[in-house]
Amino acid sequence: MVAASVVPEMMHGNNDSMDMKGKAIFLDTRTDQIIKEVEVGNHPAHIVFTEDGKYILVTNNEDNTVSVIDSKNYSIVQTIPTGEGPHGFRISKDSKFAYLADMGEDTVSVLNLQSMKEDKRIKVGATPVTTGNTDDNKTLVVTLNKENALRIVDLTSGKVEKVTVGNGP
């Protein structure tokens, strides 16, 4: 299976309101057939599967939420509020946490996938675009697009370090 997020063209109605509800589309790679289309929030950005195969998460950039989809029946089991402008993210190897780059407020939202709530937000710096985390879930790395840097966060101690890199990570 492969999944894609789809943002439809802006539709202007008679009252000039805009509808940008997006979809997560799941395709069977053997048959090239659509398995399921799931309506998610406005302007879906990234889709990530949990390691345990239980959930599929979609960041909804314009709604400041994440849609949590059951991977067995493709139903939305929860919509979790996040920081402003959630974008790229990774899920811990144990499938317990998701780390979302909140581009609109320079934070990372830490989502608890057992309670289906945001545990905390970590202030990281200007325009975080995506995250990565180590298999032991002790270190989080965040790309800071406007700072041309990475923020390295020790998730155990809370210590934060900044490393300068090339343009626009």
C-alpha atoms as a PDB file:
ATOM      1  CA  MET A   1       0.000   0.000   0.000  1.00  0.00           C
ATOM      2  CA  VAL A   2       1.011   3.579  -0.580  1.00  0.00           C
ATOM      3  CA  ALA A   3      -0.753   6.654   0.764  1.00  0.00           C
ATOM      4  CA  ALA A   4      -0.962  10.217  -0.496  1.00  0.00           C
ATOM      5  CA  SER A   5      -2.464  13.406   0.837  1.00  0.00           C
ATOM      6  CA  VAL A   6      -4.523  15.380  -1.643  1.00  0.00           C
ATOM      7  CA  VAL A   7      -5.417  19.051  -1.388  1.00  0.00           C
ATOM      8  CA  PRO A   8      -8.225  19.897  -3.802  1.00  0.00           C
ATOM      9  CA  GLU A   9      -8.283  23.163  -5.714  1.00  0.00           C
ATOM     10  CA  MET A  10      -9.919  25.983  -3.818  1.00  0.00           C
ATOM     11  CA  MET A  11     -13.609  26.024  -4.621  1.00  0.00           C
ATOM     12  CA  HIS A  12     -15.377  29.376  -4.522  1.00  0.00           C
ATOM     13  CA  GLY A  13     -19.098  29.207  -3.810  1.00  0.00           C
ATOM     14  CA  ASN A  14     -21.686  31.899  -4.316  1.00  0.00           C
ATOM     15  CA  ASN A  15     -20.639  33.567  -1.087  1.00  0.00           C
ATOM     16  CA  ASP A  16     -16.902  33.344  -1.948  1.00  0.00           C
ATOM     17  CA  SER A  17     -16.245  30.873   0.882  1.00  0.00           C
ATOM     18  CA  MET A  18     -13.362  28.498   0.305  1.00  0.00           C
ATOM     19  CA  ASP A  19     -13.514  24.762   0.862  1.00  0.00           C
ATOM     20  CA  MET A  20     -10.157  22.991   1.119  1.00  0.00           C
ATOM     21  CA  LYS A  21     -11.138  19.717   2.816  1.00  0.00           C
ATOM     22  CA  GLY A  22      -8.440  17.268   1.861  1.00  0.00           C
ATOM     23  CA  LYS A  23      -8.226  13.539   1.502  1.00  0.00           C
ATOM     24  CA  ALA A  24      -5.909  10.720   2.358  1.00  0.00           C
ATOM     25  CA  ILE A  25      -5.915   8.279  -0.531  1.00  0.00           C
ATOM     26  CA  PHE A  26      -4.697   4.703  -0.109  1.00  0.00           C
ATOM     27  CA  LEU A  27      -3.560   2.727  -3.171  1.00  0.00           C
ATOM     28  CA  ASP A  28      -2.853  -0.980  -3.631  1.00  0.00           C
ATOM     29  CA  THR A  29       0.612  -1.091  -5.221  1.00  0.00           C
ATOM     30  CA  ARG A  30      -0.016  -4.514  -6.784  1.00  0.00           C
ATOM     31  CA  THR A  31      -3.223  -3.594  -8.587  1.00  0.00           C
ATOM     32  CA  ASP A  32      -2.875   0.209  -8.860  1.00  0.00           C
ATOM     33  CA  GLN A  33      -6.428   0.429  -7.488  1.00  0.00           C
ATOM     34  CA  ILE A  34      -7.673   2.854  -4.865  1.00  0.00           C
ATOM     35  CA  ILE A  35      -8.348   0.999  -1.622  1.00  0.00           C
ATOM     36  CA  LYS A  36      -9.998   3.903   0.174  1.00  0.00           C
ATOM     37  CA  GLU A  37     -10.357   7.680   0.170  1.00  0.00           C
ATOM     38  CA  VAL A  38     -10.707   9.273   3.611  1.00  0.00           C
ATOM     39  CA  GLU A  39     -11.776  12.887   4.080  1.00  0.00           C
ATOM     40  CA  VAL A  40      -9.452  14.597   6.547  1.00  0.00           C
ATOM     41  CA  GLY A  41      -8.939  18.245   7.501  1.00  0.00           C
ATOM     42  CA  ASN A  42      -8.041  21.306   5.505  1.00  0.00           C
ATOM     43  CA  HIS A  43      -4.761  21.242   3.613  1.00  0.00           C
ATOM     44  CA  PRO A  44      -3.388  17.822   4.605  1.00  0.00           C
ATOM     45  CA  ALA A  45       0.407  17.803   4.468  1.00  0.00           C
ATOM     46  CA  HIS A  46       2.085  14.552   5.537  1.00  0.00           C
ATOM     47  CA  ILE A  47       0.958  10.968   6.147  1.00  0.00           C
ATOM     48  CA  VAL A  48       2.871   8.624   8.465  1.00  0.00           C
ATOM     49  CA  PHE A  49       2.054   5.055   9.548  1.00  0.00           C
ATOM     50  CA  THR A  50       2.720   3.901  13.112  1.00  0.00           C
ATOM     51  CA  GLU A  51       5.348   1.180  13.416  1.00  0.00           C
ATOM     52  CA  ASP A  52       2.831  -1.192  14.996  1.00  0.00           C
ATOM     53  CA  GLY A  53       0.552  -0.800  11.958  1.00  0.00           C
ATOM     54  CA  LYS A  54      -2.426   0.304  14.046  1.00  0.00           C
ATOM     55  CA  TYR A  55      -2.806   3.924  12.924  1.00  0.00           C
ATOM     56  CA  ILE A  56      -2.147   6.284  10.059  1.00  0.00           C
ATOM     57  CA  LEU A  57      -1.702   9.962  10.945  1.00  0.00           C
ATOM     58  CA  VAL A  58      -2.283  12.944   8.655  1.00  0.00           C
ATOM     59  CA  THR A  59      -1.275  16.523   9.515  1.00  0.00           C
ATOM     60  CA  ASN A  60      -3.970  19.076   8.598  1.00  0.00           C
ATOM     61  CA  ASN A  61      -1.938  22.246   8.143  1.00  0.00           C
ATOM     62  CA  GLU A  62      -4.824  24.750   7.916  1.00  0.00           C
ATOM     63  CA  ASP A  63      -6.893  23.218  10.744  1.00  0.00           C
ATOM     64  CA  ASN A  64      -4.027  22.837  13.251  1.00  0.00           C
ATOM     65  CA  THR A  65      -4.967  19.200  13.785  1.00  0.00           C
ATOM     66  CA  VAL A  66      -3.902  15.648  13.075  1.00  0.00           C
ATOM     67  CA  SER A  67      -6.361  13.057  11.795  1.00  0.00           C
ATOM     68  CA  VAL A  68      -5.750   9.615  13.297  1.00  0.00           C
ATOM     69  CA  ILE A  69      -7.016   6.871  10.972  1.00  0.00           C
ATOM     70  CA  ASP A  70      -7.565   3.224  11.943  1.00  0.00           C
ATOM     71  CA  SER A  71      -5.460   1.235   9.475  1.00  0.00           C
ATOM     72  CA  LYS A  72      -7.858  -1.744   9.462  1.00  0.00           C
ATOM     73  CA  ASN A  73     -11.082   0.008   8.444  1.00  0.00           C
ATOM     74  CA  TYR A  74      -9.825   3.472   7.372  1.00  0.00           C
ATOM     75  CA  SER A  75     -12.109   5.331   9.758  1.00  0.00           C
ATOM     76  CA  ILE A  76     -10.994   8.438  11.624  1.00  0.00           C
ATOM     77  CA  VAL A  77     -10.720   7.470  15.280  1.00  0.00           C
ATOM     78  CA  GLN A  78      -9.567  10.850  16.586  1.00  0.00           C
ATOM     79  CA  THR A  79      -8.751  14.388  15.502  1.00  0.00           C
ATOM     80  CA  ILE A  80      -6.075  15.827  17.784  1.00  0.00           C
ATOM     81  CA  PRO A  81      -5.496  19.599  18.120  1.00  0.00           C
ATOM     82  CA  THR A  82      -1.864  20.643  17.578  1.00  0.00           C
ATOM     83  CA  GLY A  83       0.258  23.739  17.387  1.00  0.00           C
ATOM     84  CA  GLU A  84      -0.190  26.164  14.516  1.00  0.00           C
ATOM     85  CA  GLY A  85       0.587  24.851  11.026  1.00  0.00           C
ATOM     86  CA  PRO A  86       1.471  21.169  11.630  1.00  0.00           C
ATOM     87  CA  HIS A  87       3.594  19.811   8.790  1.00  0.00           C
ATOM     88  CA  GLY A  88       6.256  17.086   8.694  1.00  0.00           C
ATOM     89  CA  PHE A  89       6.565  14.567  11.486  1.00  0.00           C
ATOM     90  CA  ARG A  90       7.789  11.197  12.693  1.00  0.00           C
ATOM     91  CA  ILE A  91       6.387   8.608  15.068  1.00  0.00           C
ATOM     92  CA  SER A  92       8.413   6.881  17.770  1.00  0.00           C
ATOM     93  CA  LYS A  93       9.500   3.321  17.043  1.00  0.00           C
ATOM     94  CA  ASP A  94       7.270   2.075  19.889  1.00  0.00           C
ATOM     95  CA  SER A  95       4.266   3.847  18.241  1.00  0.00           C
ATOM     96  CA  LYS A  96       3.505   5.770  21.453  1.00  0.00           C
ATOM     97  CA  PHE A  97       4.393   9.340  20.372  1.00  0.00           C
ATOM     98  CA  ALA A  98       4.262  11.548  17.298  1.00  0.00           C
ATOM     99  CA  TYR A  99       6.531  14.591  16.945  1.00  0.00           C
ATOM    100  CA  LEU A 100       5.021  17.260  14.658  1.00  0.00           C
ATOM    101  CA  ALA A 101       6.777  20.340  13.327  1.00  0.00           C
ATOM    102  CA  ASP A 102       4.422  23.291  13.898  1.00  0.00           C
ATOM    103  CA  MET A 103       5.577  25.682  11.171  1.00  0.00           C
ATOM    104  CA  GLY A 104       3.292  28.529  12.257  1.00  0.00           C
ATOM    105  CA  GLU A 105       4.483  28.866  15.835  1.00  0.00           C
ATOM    106  CA  ASP A 106       8.051  27.519  15.882  1.00  0.00           C
ATOM    107  CA  THR A 107       7.269  24.528  18.085  1.00  0.00           C
ATOM    108  CA  VAL A 108       7.066  20.760  17.981  1.00  0.00           C
ATOM    109  CA  SER A 109       3.830  19.187  19.208  1.00  0.00           C
ATOM    110  CA  VAL A 110       4.386  15.960  21.117  1.00  0.00           C
ATOM    111  CA  LEU A 111       1.300  13.783  20.676  1.00  0.00           C
ATOM    112  CA  ASN A 112       0.598  10.842  22.964  1.00  0.00           C
ATOM    113  CA  LEU A 113      -0.938   8.137  20.765  1.00  0.00           C
ATOM    114  CA  GLN A 114      -2.253   6.211  23.761  1.00  0.00           C
ATOM    115  CA  SER A 115      -4.277   9.064  25.280  1.00  0.00           C
ATOM    116  CA  MET A 116      -4.813  10.667  21.823  1.00  0.00           C
ATOM    117  CA  LYS A 117      -3.875  14.093  23.212  1.00  0.00           C
ATOM    118  CA  GLU A 118      -1.048  16.562  22.878  1.00  0.00           C
ATOM    119  CA  ASP A 119       1.342  16.067  25.824  1.00  0.00           C
ATOM    120  CA  LYS A 120       3.374  19.227  25.305  1.00  0.00           C
ATOM    121  CA  ARG A 121       4.928  21.662  22.861  1.00  0.00           C
ATOM    122  CA  ILE A 122       8.651  22.165  22.611  1.00  0.00           C
ATOM    123  CA  LYS A 123       9.890  25.611  21.488  1.00  0.00           C
ATOM    124  CA  VAL A 124      12.526  24.911  18.821  1.00  0.00           C
ATOM    125  CA  GLY A 125      13.098  27.962  16.574  1.00  0.00           C
ATOM    126  CA  ALA A 126      12.084  29.597  13.311  1.00  0.00           C
ATOM    127  CA  THR A 127       9.950  27.615  10.877  1.00  0.00           C
ATOM    128  CA  PRO A 128      10.357  23.954  11.822  1.00  0.00           C
ATOM    129  CA  VAL A 129       9.499  21.874   8.749  1.00  0.00           C
ATOM    130  CA  THR A 130       9.908  18.257   9.820  1.00  0.00           C
ATOM    131  CA  THR A 131      11.258  16.056  12.584  1.00  0.00           C
ATOM    132  CA  GLY A 132      13.229  12.869  13.052  1.00  0.00           C
ATOM    133  CA  ASN A 133      13.838  10.785  16.144  1.00  0.00           C
ATOM    134  CA  THR A 134      16.180   8.005  17.138  1.00  0.00           C
ATOM    135  CA  ASP A 135      14.984   4.415  17.545  1.00  0.00           C
ATOM    136  CA  ASP A 136      15.523   4.595  21.322  1.00  0.00           C
ATOM    137  CA  ASN A 137      13.294   7.724  21.398  1.00  0.00           C
ATOM    138  CA  LYS A 138      15.914   9.685  23.334  1.00  0.00           C
ATOM    139  CA  THR A 139      16.810  12.239  20.655  1.00  0.00           C
ATOM    140  CA  LEU A 140      14.638  14.419  18.444  1.00  0.00           C
ATOM    141  CA  VAL A 141      16.017  16.363  15.470  1.00  0.00           C
ATOM    142  CA  VAL A 142      14.052  19.259  13.974  1.00  0.00           C
ATOM    143  CA  THR A 143      14.826  21.125  10.733  1.00  0.00           C
ATOM    144  CA  LEU A 144      14.644  24.918  11.148  1.00  0.00           C
ATOM    145  CA  ASN A 145      14.113  26.299   7.665  1.00  0.00           C
ATOM    146  CA  LYS A 146      14.509  30.028   8.392  1.00  0.00           C
ATOM    147  CA  GLU A 147      17.528  29.516  10.619  1.00  0.00           C
ATOM    148  CA  ASN A 148      19.389  27.121   8.265  1.00  0.00           C
ATOM    149  CA  ALA A 149      19.875  24.902  11.269  1.00  0.00           C
ATOM    150  CA  LEU A 150      18.867  21.752  13.086  1.00  0.00           C
ATOM    151  CA  ARG A 151      17.608  21.709  16.645  1.00  0.00           C
ATOM    152  CA  ILE A 152      18.671  18.591  18.540  1.00  0.00           C
ATOM    153  CA  VAL A 153      16.522  17.857  21.587  1.00  0.00           C
ATOM    154  CA  ASP A 154      17.452  15.344  24.298  1.00  0.00           C
ATOM    155  CA  LEU A 155      13.964  14.015  25.089  1.00  0.00           C
ATOM    156  CA  THR A 156      15.108  12.633  28.450  1.00  0.00           C
ATOM    157  CA  SER A 157      16.822  15.707  29.910  1.00  0.00           C
ATOM    158  CA  GLY A 158      15.192  18.428  27.798  1.00  0.00           C
ATOM    159  CA  LYS A 159      18.608  19.780  26.776  1.00  0.00           C
ATOM    160  CA  VAL A 160      18.438  21.570  23.423  1.00  0.00           C
ATOM    161  CA  GLU A 161      21.323  22.135  21.006  1.00  0.00           C
ATOM    162  CA  LYS A 162      21.458  24.022  17.705  1.00  0.00           C
ATOM    163  CA  VAL A 163      23.587  22.962  14.740  1.00  0.00           C
ATOM    164  CA  THR A 164      24.040  25.195  11.681  1.00  0.00           C
ATOM    165  CA  VAL A 165      23.572  23.432   8.319  1.00  0.00           C
ATOM    166  CA  GLY A 166      23.077  24.480   4.664  1.00  0.00           C
ATOM    167  CA  ASN A 167      20.297  26.642   3.271  1.00  0.00           C
ATOM    168  CA  GLY A 168      16.663  25.734   3.804  1.00  0.00           C
ATOM    169  CA  PRO A 169      16.674  22.387   5.600  1.00  0.00           C
END
